């Protein structure tokens, strides 16, 4: 899937090693889902009660969706604050100002 997205890695922090591969859009979120859903499936395999199995699976799905929603909400809040600060000219100089330096 990395080849399909082909998204460059962000330059937010220096990397300790040279990385030549592309970034994936949501690797941490995917691992969050994999962890909870795998735990639910493993518990379901040893639990004979159908109602408890349904509860475990629904709980794992909800936790996964909650994690993805929290990540999307955080990104939206950061984008909104950045947009608000740009509107108030608190960050990023205008091009005409930057050219006069």
PDB file of N, CA and C in Angstrom:
ATOM      1  N   UNK A   1       0.825  -1.195   0.000  1.00  0.00           N
ATOM      2  CA  UNK A   1       0.000   0.000   0.000  1.00  0.00           C
ATOM      3  C   UNK A   1       0.866   1.254   0.000  1.00  0.00           C
ATOM      4  N   UNK A   2       2.086   1.159   0.564  1.00  0.00           N
ATOM      5  CA  UNK A   2       2.965   2.321   0.557  1.00  0.00           C
ATOM      6  C   UNK A   2       3.249   2.798  -0.862  1.00  0.00           C
ATOM      7  N   UNK A   3       3.432   1.844  -1.767  1.00  0.00           N
ATOM      8  CA  UNK A   3       3.716   2.218  -3.152  1.00  0.00           C
ATOM      9  C   UNK A   3       2.544   2.958  -3.785  1.00  0.00           C
ATOM     10  N   UNK A   4       1.338   2.591  -3.407  1.00  0.00           N
ATOM     11  CA  UNK A   4       0.152   3.261  -3.946  1.00  0.00           C
ATOM     12  C   UNK A   4       0.008   4.680  -3.434  1.00  0.00           C
ATOM     13  N   UNK A   5       0.281   4.881  -2.144  1.00  0.00           N
ATOM     14  CA  UNK A   5       0.171   6.222  -1.565  1.00  0.00           C
ATOM     15  C   UNK A   5       1.375   7.077  -1.933  1.00  0.00           C
ATOM     16  N   UNK A   6       2.572   6.496  -1.858  1.00  0.00           N
ATOM     17  CA  UNK A   6       3.838   7.164  -2.175  1.00  0.00           C
ATOM     18  C   UNK A   6       3.931   8.554  -1.551  1.00  0.00           C
ATOM     19  N   UNK A   7       3.633   8.627  -0.291  1.00  0.00           N
ATOM     20  CA  UNK A   7       3.653   9.889   0.451  1.00  0.00           C
ATOM     21  C   UNK A   7       5.032  10.088   1.066  1.00  0.00           C
ATOM     22  N   UNK A   8       5.663  11.254   0.861  1.00  0.00           N
ATOM     23  CA  UNK A   8       6.974  11.467   1.478  1.00  0.00           C
ATOM     24  C   UNK A   8       6.864  11.560   2.997  1.00  0.00           C
ATOM     25  N   UNK A   9       7.909  11.144   3.670  1.00  0.00           N
ATOM     26  CA  UNK A   9       7.928  11.229   5.131  1.00  0.00           C
ATOM     27  C   UNK A   9       8.050  12.685   5.550  1.00  0.00           C
ATOM     28  N   UNK A  10       7.376  13.089   6.630  1.00  0.00           N
ATOM     29  CA  UNK A  10       7.481  14.479   7.091  1.00  0.00           C
ATOM     30  C   UNK A  10       8.867  14.778   7.646  1.00  0.00           C
ATOM     31  N   UNK A  11       9.318  16.019   7.485  1.00  0.00           N
ATOM     32  CA  UNK A  11      10.622  16.449   7.988  1.00  0.00           C
ATOM     33  C   UNK A  11      10.486  17.168   9.317  1.00  0.00           C
ATOM     34  N   UNK A  12       9.642  16.662  10.200  1.00  0.00           N
ATOM     35  CA  UNK A  12       9.409  17.313  11.486  1.00  0.00           C
ATOM     36  C   UNK A  12      10.567  17.105  12.458  1.00  0.00           C
ATOM     37  N   UNK A  13      11.197  15.965  12.364  1.00  0.00           N
ATOM     38  CA  UNK A  13      12.296  15.644  13.275  1.00  0.00           C
ATOM     39  C   UNK A  13      13.374  14.926  12.479  1.00  0.00           C
ATOM     40  N   UNK A  14      14.634  15.133  12.845  1.00  0.00           N
ATOM     41  CA  UNK A  14      15.700  14.432  12.120  1.00  0.00           C
ATOM     42  C   UNK A  14      15.632  12.927  12.373  1.00  0.00           C
ATOM     43  N   UNK A  15      15.880  12.160  11.343  1.00  0.00           N
ATOM     44  CA  UNK A  15      15.878  10.704  11.473  1.00  0.00           C
ATOM     45  C   UNK A  15      17.291  10.249  11.816  1.00  0.00           C
ATOM     46  N   UNK A  16      17.397   9.225  12.640  1.00  0.00           N
ATOM     47  CA  UNK A  16      18.712   8.731  13.037  1.00  0.00           C
ATOM     48  C   UNK A  16      19.370   7.926  11.936  1.00  0.00           C
ATOM     49  N   UNK A  17      18.583   7.447  10.999  1.00  0.00           N
ATOM     50  CA  UNK A  17      19.118   6.672   9.886  1.00  0.00           C
ATOM     51  C   UNK A  17      18.497   7.206   8.600  1.00  0.00           C
ATOM     52  N   UNK A  18      19.179   6.999   7.498  1.00  0.00           N
ATOM     53  CA  UNK A  18      18.626   7.404   6.210  1.00  0.00           C
ATOM     54  C   UNK A  18      17.462   6.477   5.864  1.00  0.00           C
ATOM     55  N   UNK A  19      16.331   7.060   5.544  1.00  0.00           N
ATOM     56  CA  UNK A  19      15.144   6.275   5.215  1.00  0.00           C
ATOM     57  C   UNK A  19      14.810   6.537   3.754  1.00  0.00           C
ATOM     58  N   UNK A  20      14.717   5.470   2.977  1.00  0.00           N
ATOM     59  CA  UNK A  20      14.486   5.603   1.553  1.00  0.00           C
ATOM     60  C   UNK A  20      13.075   5.215   1.143  1.00  0.00           C
ATOM     61  N   UNK A  21      12.273   4.759   2.074  1.00  0.00           N
ATOM     62  CA  UNK A  21      10.922   4.336   1.726  1.00  0.00           C
ATOM     63  C   UNK A  21       9.941   5.461   1.973  1.00  0.00           C
ATOM     64  N   UNK A  22       8.787   5.354   1.345  1.00  0.00           N
ATOM     65  CA  UNK A  22       7.736   6.350   1.519  1.00  0.00           C
ATOM     66  C   UNK A  22       7.028   6.138   2.853  1.00  0.00           C
ATOM     67  N   UNK A  23       6.310   7.148   3.277  1.00  0.00           N
ATOM     68  CA  UNK A  23       5.521   7.064   4.497  1.00  0.00           C
ATOM     69  C   UNK A  23       4.166   6.458   4.165  1.00  0.00           C
ATOM     70  N   UNK A  24       3.534   5.854   5.152  1.00  0.00           N
ATOM     71  CA  UNK A  24       2.166   5.358   4.971  1.00  0.00           C
ATOM     72  C   UNK A  24       1.242   6.307   5.690  1.00  0.00           C
ATOM     73  N   UNK A  25       0.072   6.495   5.153  1.00  0.00           N
ATOM     74  CA  UNK A  25      -0.823   7.525   5.665  1.00  0.00           C
ATOM     75  C   UNK A  25      -1.196   7.367   7.131  1.00  0.00           C
ATOM     76  N   UNK A  26      -1.280   6.163   7.647  1.00  0.00           N
ATOM     77  CA  UNK A  26      -1.700   6.015   9.021  1.00  0.00           C
ATOM     78  C   UNK A  26      -1.210   4.705   9.618  1.00  0.00           C
ATOM     79  N   UNK A  27       0.077   4.524   9.669  1.00  0.00           N
ATOM     80  CA  UNK A  27       0.631   3.285  10.196  1.00  0.00           C
ATOM     81  C   UNK A  27       0.329   3.064  11.660  1.00  0.00           C
ATOM     82  N   UNK A  28       0.412   4.121  12.478  1.00  0.00           N
ATOM     83  CA  UNK A  28       0.130   3.972  13.905  1.00  0.00           C
ATOM     84  C   UNK A  28      -1.340   3.649  14.137  1.00  0.00           C
ATOM     85  N   UNK A  29      -2.221   4.280  13.397  1.00  0.00           N
ATOM     86  CA  UNK A  29      -3.646   3.984  13.537  1.00  0.00           C
ATOM     87  C   UNK A  29      -3.948   2.556  13.110  1.00  0.00           C
ATOM     88  N   UNK A  30      -3.285   2.110  12.072  1.00  0.00           N
ATOM     89  CA  UNK A  30      -3.494   0.742  11.628  1.00  0.00           C
ATOM     90  C   UNK A  30      -3.047  -0.241  12.709  1.00  0.00           C
ATOM     91  N   UNK A  31      -1.916   0.029  13.345  1.00  0.00           N
ATOM     92  CA  UNK A  31      -1.429  -0.865  14.402  1.00  0.00           C
ATOM     93  C   UNK A  31      -2.362  -0.852  15.611  1.00  0.00           C
ATOM     94  N   UNK A  32      -2.969   0.298  15.895  1.00  0.00           N
ATOM     95  CA  UNK A  32      -3.950   0.388  16.969  1.00  0.00           C
ATOM     96  C   UNK A  32      -5.102  -0.574  16.695  1.00  0.00           C
ATOM     97  N   UNK A  33      -5.613  -0.526  15.469  1.00  0.00           N
ATOM     98  CA  UNK A  33      -6.703  -1.422  15.085  1.00  0.00           C
ATOM     99  C   UNK A  33      -6.287  -2.872  15.094  1.00  0.00           C
ATOM    100  N   UNK A  34      -5.112  -3.163  14.567  1.00  0.00           N
ATOM    101  CA  UNK A  34      -4.623  -4.537  14.529  1.00  0.00           C
ATOM    102  C   UNK A  34      -4.510  -5.103  15.941  1.00  0.00           C
ATOM    103  N   UNK A  35      -3.997  -4.305  16.858  1.00  0.00           N
ATOM    104  CA  UNK A  35      -3.802  -4.771  18.236  1.00  0.00           C
ATOM    105  C   UNK A  35      -5.135  -5.127  18.891  1.00  0.00           C
ATOM    106  N   UNK A  36      -6.081  -4.196  18.903  1.00  0.00           N
ATOM    107  CA  UNK A  36      -7.352  -4.450  19.583  1.00  0.00           C
ATOM    108  C   UNK A  36      -8.182  -5.521  18.890  1.00  0.00           C
ATOM    109  N   UNK A  37      -8.199  -5.505  17.580  1.00  0.00           N
ATOM    110  CA  UNK A  37      -8.995  -6.511  16.876  1.00  0.00           C
ATOM    111  C   UNK A  37      -8.378  -7.906  17.011  1.00  0.00           C
ATOM    112  N   UNK A  38      -7.054  -8.000  17.009  1.00  0.00           N
ATOM    113  CA  UNK A  38      -6.402  -9.299  17.205  1.00  0.00           C
ATOM    114  C   UNK A  38      -6.652  -9.828  18.613  1.00  0.00           C
ATOM    115  N   UNK A  39      -6.552  -8.962  19.606  1.00  0.00           N
ATOM    116  CA  UNK A  39      -6.849  -9.398  20.979  1.00  0.00           C
ATOM    117  C   UNK A  39      -8.293  -9.896  21.101  1.00  0.00           C
ATOM    118  N   UNK A  40      -9.214  -9.191  20.475  1.00  0.00           N
ATOM    119  CA  UNK A  40     -10.621  -9.616  20.532  1.00  0.00           C
ATOM    120  C   UNK A  40     -10.798 -10.982  19.881  1.00  0.00           C
ATOM    121  N   UNK A  41     -10.193 -11.182  18.729  1.00  0.00           N
ATOM    122  CA  UNK A  41     -10.332 -12.470  18.029  1.00  0.00           C
ATOM    123  C   UNK A  41      -9.715 -13.600  18.853  1.00  0.00           C
ATOM    124  N   UNK A  42      -8.569 -13.350  19.466  1.00  0.00           N
ATOM    125  CA  UNK A  42      -7.946 -14.384  20.301  1.00  0.00           C
ATOM    126  C   UNK A  42      -8.813 -14.727  21.512  1.00  0.00           C
ATOM    127  N   UNK A  43      -9.413 -13.713  22.135  1.00  0.00           N
ATOM    128  CA  UNK A  43     -10.289 -13.974  23.278  1.00  0.00           C
ATOM    129  C   UNK A  43     -11.574 -14.687  22.853  1.00  0.00           C
ATOM    130  N   UNK A  44     -12.079 -14.338  21.691  1.00  0.00           N
ATOM    131  CA  UNK A  44     -13.294 -14.987  21.184  1.00  0.00           C
ATOM    132  C   UNK A  44     -13.050 -16.478  20.947  1.00  0.00           C
ATOM    133  N   UNK A  45     -11.854 -16.841  20.495  1.00  0.00           N
ATOM    134  CA  UNK A  45     -11.533 -18.244  20.221  1.00  0.00           C
ATOM    135  C   UNK A  45     -11.604 -19.111  21.474  1.00  0.00           C
ATOM    136  N   UNK A  46     -11.316 -18.543  22.649  1.00  0.00           N
ATOM    137  CA  UNK A  46     -11.318 -19.353  23.867  1.00  0.00           C
ATOM    138  C   UNK A  46     -12.583 -19.158  24.697  1.00  0.00           C
ATOM    139  N   UNK A  47     -13.464 -18.294  24.272  1.00  0.00           N
ATOM    140  CA  UNK A  47     -14.691 -17.982  25.023  1.00  0.00           C
ATOM    141  C   UNK A  47     -15.898 -18.595  24.315  1.00  0.00           C
ATOM    142  N   UNK A  48     -16.611 -19.503  24.971  1.00  0.00           N
ATOM    143  CA  UNK A  48     -17.750 -20.159  24.316  1.00  0.00           C
ATOM    144  C   UNK A  48     -19.034 -19.315  24.284  1.00  0.00           C
ATOM    145  N   UNK A  49     -19.157 -18.321  25.160  1.00  0.00           N
ATOM    146  CA  UNK A  49     -20.410 -17.560  25.249  1.00  0.00           C
ATOM    147  C   UNK A  49     -20.544 -16.597  24.068  1.00  0.00           C
ATOM    148  N   UNK A  50     -21.612 -16.776  23.296  1.00  0.00           N
ATOM    149  CA  UNK A  50     -21.839 -15.966  22.095  1.00  0.00           C
ATOM    150  C   UNK A  50     -22.028 -14.491  22.429  1.00  0.00           C
ATOM    151  N   UNK A  51     -22.754 -14.197  23.498  1.00  0.00           N
ATOM    152  CA  UNK A  51     -22.994 -12.783  23.869  1.00  0.00           C
ATOM    153  C   UNK A  51     -21.694 -12.085  24.268  1.00  0.00           C
ATOM    154  N   UNK A  52     -20.844 -12.779  24.991  1.00  0.00           N
ATOM    155  CA  UNK A  52     -19.557 -12.204  25.383  1.00  0.00           C
ATOM    156  C   UNK A  52     -18.655 -12.009  24.157  1.00  0.00           C
ATOM    157  N   UNK A  53     -18.726 -12.948  23.225  1.00  0.00           N
ATOM    158  CA  UNK A  53     -17.958 -12.811  21.988  1.00  0.00           C
ATOM    159  C   UNK A  53     -18.387 -11.574  21.209  1.00  0.00           C
ATOM    160  N   UNK A  54     -19.686 -11.385  21.113  1.00  0.00           N
ATOM    161  CA  UNK A  54     -20.199 -10.205  20.406  1.00  0.00           C
ATOM    162  C   UNK A  54     -19.756  -8.932  21.119  1.00  0.00           C
ATOM    163  N   UNK A  55     -19.824  -8.944  22.452  1.00  0.00           N
ATOM    164  CA  UNK A  55     -19.398  -7.784  23.238  1.00  0.00           C
ATOM    165  C   UNK A  55     -17.926  -7.480  22.995  1.00  0.00           C
ATOM    166  N   UNK A  56     -17.066  -8.501  23.027  1.00  0.00           N
ATOM    167  CA  UNK A  56     -15.633  -8.304  22.818  1.00  0.00           C
ATOM    168  C   UNK A  56     -15.334  -7.740  21.428  1.00  0.00           C
ATOM    169  N   UNK A  57     -15.995  -8.267  20.419  1.00  0.00           N
ATOM    170  CA  UNK A  57     -15.769  -7.795  19.061  1.00  0.00           C
ATOM    171  C   UNK A  57     -16.261  -6.356  18.886  1.00  0.00           C
ATOM    172  N   UNK A  58     -17.437  -6.056  19.400  1.00  0.00           N
ATOM    173  CA  UNK A  58     -17.966  -4.694  19.310  1.00  0.00           C
ATOM    174  C   UNK A  58     -17.073  -3.721  20.068  1.00  0.00           C
ATOM    175  N   UNK A  59     -16.595  -4.121  21.244  1.00  0.00           N
ATOM    176  CA  UNK A  59     -15.700  -3.269  22.023  1.00  0.00           C
ATOM    177  C   UNK A  59     -14.406  -2.993  21.263  1.00  0.00           C
ATOM    178  N   UNK A  60     -13.829  -4.016  20.640  1.00  0.00           N
ATOM    179  CA  UNK A  60     -12.593  -3.839  19.876  1.00  0.00           C
ATOM    180  C   UNK A  60     -12.820  -2.899  18.689  1.00  0.00           C
ATOM    181  N   UNK A  61     -13.933  -3.050  18.006  1.00  0.00           N
ATOM    182  CA  UNK A  61     -14.250  -2.173  16.871  1.00  0.00           C
ATOM    183  C   UNK A  61     -14.442  -0.738  17.352  1.00  0.00           C
ATOM    184  N   UNK A  62     -15.158  -0.566  18.458  1.00  0.00           N
ATOM    185  CA  UNK A  62     -15.383   0.787  18.984  1.00  0.00           C
ATOM    186  C   UNK A  62     -14.083   1.447  19.439  1.00  0.00           C
ATOM    187  N   UNK A  63     -13.198   0.678  20.101  1.00  0.00           N
ATOM    188  CA  UNK A  63     -11.902   1.229  20.512  1.00  0.00           C
ATOM    189  C   UNK A  63     -11.064   1.647  19.309  1.00  0.00           C
ATOM    190  N   UNK A  64     -11.109   0.831  18.269  1.00  0.00           N
ATOM    191  CA  UNK A  64     -10.379   1.157  17.051  1.00  0.00           C
ATOM    192  C   UNK A  64     -10.923   2.436  16.417  1.00  0.00           C
ATOM    193  N   UNK A  65     -12.231   2.517  16.300  1.00  0.00           N
ATOM    194  CA  UNK A  65     -12.848   3.723  15.726  1.00  0.00           C
ATOM    195  C   UNK A  65     -12.597   4.945  16.604  1.00  0.00           C
ATOM    196  N   UNK A  66     -12.600   4.755  17.911  1.00  0.00           N
ATOM    197  CA  UNK A  66     -12.321   5.860  18.831  1.00  0.00           C
ATOM    198  C   UNK A  66     -10.899   6.379  18.634  1.00  0.00           C
ATOM    199  N   UNK A  67      -9.944   5.460  18.468  1.00  0.00           N
ATOM    200  CA  UNK A  67      -8.555   5.872  18.226  1.00  0.00           C
ATOM    201  C   UNK A  67      -8.411   6.636  16.931  1.00  0.00           C
ATOM    202  N   UNK A  68      -9.049   6.152  15.872  1.00  0.00           N
ATOM    203  CA  UNK A  68      -8.976   6.845  14.582  1.00  0.00           C
ATOM    204  C   UNK A  68      -9.669   8.205  14.661  1.00  0.00           C
ATOM    205  N   UNK A  69     -10.795   8.259  15.357  1.00  0.00           N
ATOM    206  CA  UNK A  69     -11.521   9.523  15.504  1.00  0.00           C
ATOM    207  C   UNK A  69     -10.711  10.522  16.326  1.00  0.00           C
ATOM    208  N   UNK A  70     -10.055  10.055  17.385  1.00  0.00           N
ATOM    209  CA  UNK A  70      -9.232  10.949  18.200  1.00  0.00           C
ATOM    210  C   UNK A  70      -8.084  11.511  17.363  1.00  0.00           C
ATOM    211  N   UNK A  71      -7.458  10.686  16.548  1.00  0.00           N
ATOM    212  CA  UNK A  71      -6.381  11.154  15.680  1.00  0.00           C
ATOM    213  C   UNK A  71      -6.872  12.163  14.661  1.00  0.00           C
ATOM    214  N   UNK A  72      -8.013  11.889  14.048  1.00  0.00           N
ATOM    215  CA  UNK A  72      -8.580  12.821  13.065  1.00  0.00           C
ATOM    216  C   UNK A  72      -8.996  14.127  13.738  1.00  0.00           C
ATOM    217  N   UNK A  73      -9.540  14.043  14.932  1.00  0.00           N
ATOM    218  CA  UNK A  73      -9.947  15.253  15.659  1.00  0.00           C
ATOM    219  C   UNK A  73      -8.736  16.112  16.012  1.00  0.00           C
ATOM    220  N   UNK A  74      -7.668  15.469  16.472  1.00  0.00           N
ATOM    221  CA  UNK A  74      -6.444  16.204  16.810  1.00  0.00           C
ATOM    222  C   UNK A  74      -5.891  16.912  15.569  1.00  0.00           C
ATOM    223  N   UNK A  75      -5.853  16.215  14.453  1.00  0.00           N
ATOM    224  CA  UNK A  75      -5.360  16.824  13.217  1.00  0.00           C
ATOM    225  C   UNK A  75      -6.244  18.000  12.802  1.00  0.00           C
ATOM    226  N   UNK A  76      -7.558  17.857  12.937  1.00  0.00           N
ATOM    227  CA  UNK A  76      -8.482  18.942  12.574  1.00  0.00           C
ATOM    228  C   UNK A  76      -8.308  20.146  13.498  1.00  0.00           C
ATOM    229  N   UNK A  77      -8.103  19.905  14.782  1.00  0.00           N
ATOM    230  CA  UNK A  77      -7.884  21.002  15.735  1.00  0.00           C
ATOM    231  C   UNK A  77      -6.585  21.732  15.400  1.00  0.00           C
ATOM    232  N   UNK A  78      -5.523  20.986  15.129  1.00  0.00           N
ATOM    233  CA  UNK A  78      -4.240  21.614  14.772  1.00  0.00           C
ATOM    234  C   UNK A  78      -4.370  22.431  13.499  1.00  0.00           C
ATOM    235  N   UNK A  79      -5.068  21.899  12.504  1.00  0.00           N
ATOM    236  CA  UNK A  79      -5.285  22.642  11.263  1.00  0.00           C
ATOM    237  C   UNK A  79      -6.076  23.916  11.538  1.00  0.00           C
ATOM    238  N   UNK A  80      -7.125  23.833  12.360  1.00  0.00           N
ATOM    239  CA  UNK A  80      -7.938  25.004  12.686  1.00  0.00           C
ATOM    240  C   UNK A  80      -7.148  26.081  13.412  1.00  0.00           C
ATOM    241  N   UNK A  81      -6.320  25.674  14.365  1.00  0.00           N
ATOM    242  CA  UNK A  81      -5.492  26.642  15.099  1.00  0.00           C
ATOM    243  C   UNK A  81      -4.486  27.294  14.153  1.00  0.00           C
ATOM    244  N   UNK A  82      -3.874  26.513  13.275  1.00  0.00           N
ATOM    245  CA  UNK A  82      -2.926  27.065  12.316  1.00  0.00           C
ATOM    246  C   UNK A  82      -3.620  28.069  11.392  1.00  0.00           C
ATOM    247  N   UNK A  83      -4.787  27.708  10.902  1.00  0.00           N
ATOM    248  CA  UNK A  83      -5.555  28.594  10.014  1.00  0.00           C
ATOM    249  C   UNK A  83      -5.929  29.884  10.751  1.00  0.00           C
ATOM    250  N   UNK A  84      -6.347  29.768  11.997  1.00  0.00           N
ATOM    251  CA  UNK A  84      -6.709  30.935  12.800  1.00  0.00           C
ATOM    252  C   UNK A  84      -5.494  31.834  13.018  1.00  0.00           C
ATOM    253  N   UNK A  85      -4.344  31.212  13.338  1.00  0.00           N
ATOM    254  CA  UNK A  85      -3.125  31.998  13.566  1.00  0.00           C
ATOM    255  C   UNK A  85      -2.634  32.661  12.282  1.00  0.00           C
ATOM    256  N   UNK A  86      -2.781  31.990  11.153  1.00  0.00           N
ATOM    257  CA  UNK A  86      -2.411  32.608   9.882  1.00  0.00           C
ATOM    258  C   UNK A  86      -3.313  33.808   9.589  1.00  0.00           C
ATOM    259  N   UNK A  87      -4.585  33.680   9.896  1.00  0.00           N
ATOM    260  CA  UNK A  87      -5.523  34.786   9.690  1.00  0.00           C
ATOM    261  C   UNK A  87      -5.183  35.994  10.548  1.00  0.00           C
ATOM    262  N   UNK A  88      -4.643  35.753  11.723  1.00  0.00           N
ATOM    263  CA  UNK A  88      -4.238  36.846  12.626  1.00  0.00           C
ATOM    264  C   UNK A  88      -2.798  37.283  12.379  1.00  0.00           C
ATOM    265  N   UNK A  89      -2.166  36.683  11.365  1.00  0.00           N
ATOM    266  CA  UNK A  89      -0.781  36.994  10.978  1.00  0.00           C
ATOM    267  C   UNK A  89       0.207  36.769  12.118  1.00  0.00           C
ATOM    268  N   UNK A  90      -0.041  35.746  12.913  1.00  0.00           N
ATOM    269  CA  UNK A  90       0.873  35.405  14.000  1.00  0.00           C
ATOM    270  C   UNK A  90       1.945  34.423  13.553  1.00  0.00           C
ATOM    271  N   UNK A  91       1.716  33.759  12.443  1.00  0.00           N
ATOM    272  CA  UNK A  91       2.726  32.853  11.890  1.00  0.00           C
ATOM    273  C   UNK A  91       2.813  33.086  10.391  1.00  0.00           C
ATOM    274  N   UNK A  92       3.924  32.726   9.814  1.00  0.00           N
ATOM    275  CA  UNK A  92       4.186  32.823   8.382  1.00  0.00           C
ATOM    276  C   UNK A  92       4.008  34.239   7.854  1.00  0.00           C
ATOM    277  N   UNK A  93       5.111  34.889   7.562  1.00  0.00           N
ATOM    278  CA  UNK A  93       5.076  36.234   7.006  1.00  0.00           C
ATOM    279  C   UNK A  93       4.472  36.210   5.614  1.00  0.00           C
ATOM    280  N   UNK A  94       3.907  37.334   5.209  1.00  0.00           N
ATOM    281  CA  UNK A  94       3.424  37.453   3.843  1.00  0.00           C
ATOM    282  C   UNK A  94       4.609  37.468   2.911  1.00  0.00           C
ATOM    283  N   UNK A  95       4.395  37.121   1.648  1.00  0.00           N
ATOM    284  CA  UNK A  95       5.496  37.072   0.681  1.00  0.00           C
ATOM    285  C   UNK A  95       6.139  38.434   0.496  1.00  0.00           C
ATOM    286  N   UNK A  96       5.367  39.523   0.506  1.00  0.00           N
ATOM    287  CA  UNK A  96       5.941  40.855   0.315  1.00  0.00           C
ATOM    288  C   UNK A  96       6.857  41.220   1.475  1.00  0.00           C
ATOM    289  N   UNK A  97       6.519  40.805   2.708  1.00  0.00           N
ATOM    290  CA  UNK A  97       7.361  41.060   3.870  1.00  0.00           C
ATOM    291  C   UNK A  97       8.601  40.200   3.849  1.00  0.00           C
ATOM    292  N   UNK A  98       8.440  38.937   3.432  1.00  0.00           N
ATOM    293  CA  UNK A  98       9.562  38.009   3.428  1.00  0.00           C
ATOM    294  C   UNK A  98      10.610  38.419   2.395  1.00  0.00           C
ATOM    295  N   UNK A  99      10.199  39.011   1.276  1.00  0.00           N
ATOM    296  CA  UNK A  99      11.116  39.424   0.241  1.00  0.00           C
ATOM    297  C   UNK A  99      11.951  40.633   0.626  1.00  0.00           C
ATOM    298  N   UNK A 100      11.489  41.447   1.586  1.00  0.00           N
ATOM    299  CA  UNK A 100      12.211  42.655   1.962  1.00  0.00           C
ATOM    300  C   UNK A 100      13.305  42.384   2.986  1.00  0.00           C
ATOM    301  N   UNK A 101      13.380  41.153   3.540  1.00  0.00           N
ATOM    302  CA  UNK A 101      14.408  40.824   4.554  1.00  0.00           C
ATOM    303  C   UNK A 101      15.775  40.701   3.953  1.00  0.00           C
TER     304      UNK A 101
END
